């Protein structure tokens, strides 16, 4: 069930008009972020939108996961919360 949900979330993120996933590496980071946030009480579309937003705010050279990066980039996380309609 987890892999189906993750695949669905990634599909939504890839094909959403708001999603700007540039390459396979970005898709991997977004998929990990969605997986990290599966326990949250939010629709998968909201989580996907948040993760794509966070990914887009990160440098292409970033080595931290989105989940790690958001802990030290509170302003960006709050902006993506608002964009995604989360929290």
Protein backbone atom coordinates (compact mmCIF):
# COMPACT_ATOMS: atom_id res chain seq x y z
CA UNK A 1 0.00 0.00 0.00
CA UNK A 2 2.86 2.36 0.82
CA UNK A 3 4.40 1.97 -2.63
CA UNK A 4 1.05 2.59 -4.34
CA UNK A 5 0.51 5.77 -2.34
CA UNK A 6 4.05 6.92 -3.04
CA UNK A 7 3.69 6.19 -6.75
CA UNK A 8 0.40 8.08 -6.84
CA UNK A 9 1.92 11.06 -5.04
CA UNK A 10 4.88 11.15 -7.35
CA UNK A 11 2.58 10.91 -10.36
CA UNK A 12 0.51 13.80 -9.07
CA UNK A 13 3.63 15.85 -8.44
CA UNK A 14 5.04 15.12 -11.89
CA UNK A 15 1.88 15.94 -13.80
CA UNK A 16 0.46 18.76 -11.71
CA UNK A 17 0.47 22.13 -13.42
CA UNK A 18 2.09 23.53 -10.27
CA UNK A 19 4.87 20.97 -10.23
CA UNK A 20 8.20 21.90 -11.67
CA UNK A 21 10.28 18.79 -11.22
CA UNK A 22 13.27 19.25 -13.48
CA UNK A 23 14.84 15.80 -13.50
CA UNK A 24 14.99 12.32 -12.01
CA UNK A 25 17.06 13.55 -9.06
CA UNK A 26 14.38 16.09 -8.16
CA UNK A 27 11.71 13.39 -8.51
CA UNK A 28 13.68 11.19 -6.11
CA UNK A 29 13.89 13.95 -3.49
CA UNK A 30 10.18 14.78 -3.82
CA UNK A 31 9.24 11.10 -3.53
CA UNK A 32 11.34 10.81 -0.36
CA UNK A 33 9.69 13.92 1.09
CA UNK A 34 6.22 12.52 0.34
CA UNK A 35 7.21 9.25 1.99
CA UNK A 36 8.61 11.09 5.03
CA UNK A 37 5.28 12.92 5.43
CA UNK A 38 2.85 10.05 4.85
CA UNK A 39 1.82 9.97 8.52
CA UNK A 40 0.72 13.60 8.40
CA UNK A 41 -2.99 14.27 8.36
CA UNK A 42 -3.08 15.91 4.93
CA UNK A 43 -4.24 14.89 1.48
CA UNK A 44 -1.55 13.38 -0.70
CA UNK A 45 -2.01 16.25 -3.18
CA UNK A 46 -1.22 18.77 -0.43
CA UNK A 47 1.87 16.87 0.67
CA UNK A 48 3.06 16.56 -2.93
CA UNK A 49 2.57 20.26 -3.58
CA UNK A 50 4.50 21.10 -0.39
CA UNK A 51 7.37 18.78 -1.31
CA UNK A 52 7.63 20.15 -4.85
CA UNK A 53 7.63 23.70 -3.50
CA UNK A 54 10.39 22.88 -1.01
CA UNK A 55 12.42 21.10 -3.68
CA UNK A 56 12.15 24.14 -5.94
CA UNK A 57 13.48 26.40 -3.17
CA UNK A 58 16.56 24.24 -2.66
CA UNK A 59 19.83 24.60 -4.55
CA UNK A 60 20.56 21.97 -7.20
CA UNK A 61 23.76 21.23 -5.28
CA UNK A 62 21.99 20.54 -1.98
CA UNK A 63 22.91 17.20 -0.41
CA UNK A 64 20.35 17.16 2.40
CA UNK A 65 16.92 15.64 1.96
CA UNK A 66 13.96 18.01 1.87
CA UNK A 67 13.00 16.82 5.35
CA UNK A 68 16.47 17.65 6.71
CA UNK A 69 16.65 20.98 4.86
CA UNK A 70 13.26 22.23 6.05
CA UNK A 71 14.41 22.06 9.69
CA UNK A 72 16.95 24.83 9.09
CA UNK A 73 14.90 26.80 6.54
CA UNK A 74 11.78 27.70 8.49
CA UNK A 75 10.88 30.70 6.32
CA UNK A 76 10.87 28.57 3.17
CA UNK A 77 8.87 25.81 4.90
CA UNK A 78 6.23 28.31 6.04
CA UNK A 79 5.96 29.72 2.51
CA UNK A 80 5.50 26.23 1.08
CA UNK A 81 2.93 25.41 3.78
CA UNK A 82 0.95 28.40 2.54
CA UNK A 83 1.35 27.47 -1.16
CA UNK A 84 0.22 23.91 -0.49
CA UNK A 85 -2.62 24.90 1.84
CA UNK A 86 -1.13 22.83 4.62
CA UNK A 87 -1.05 23.43 8.38
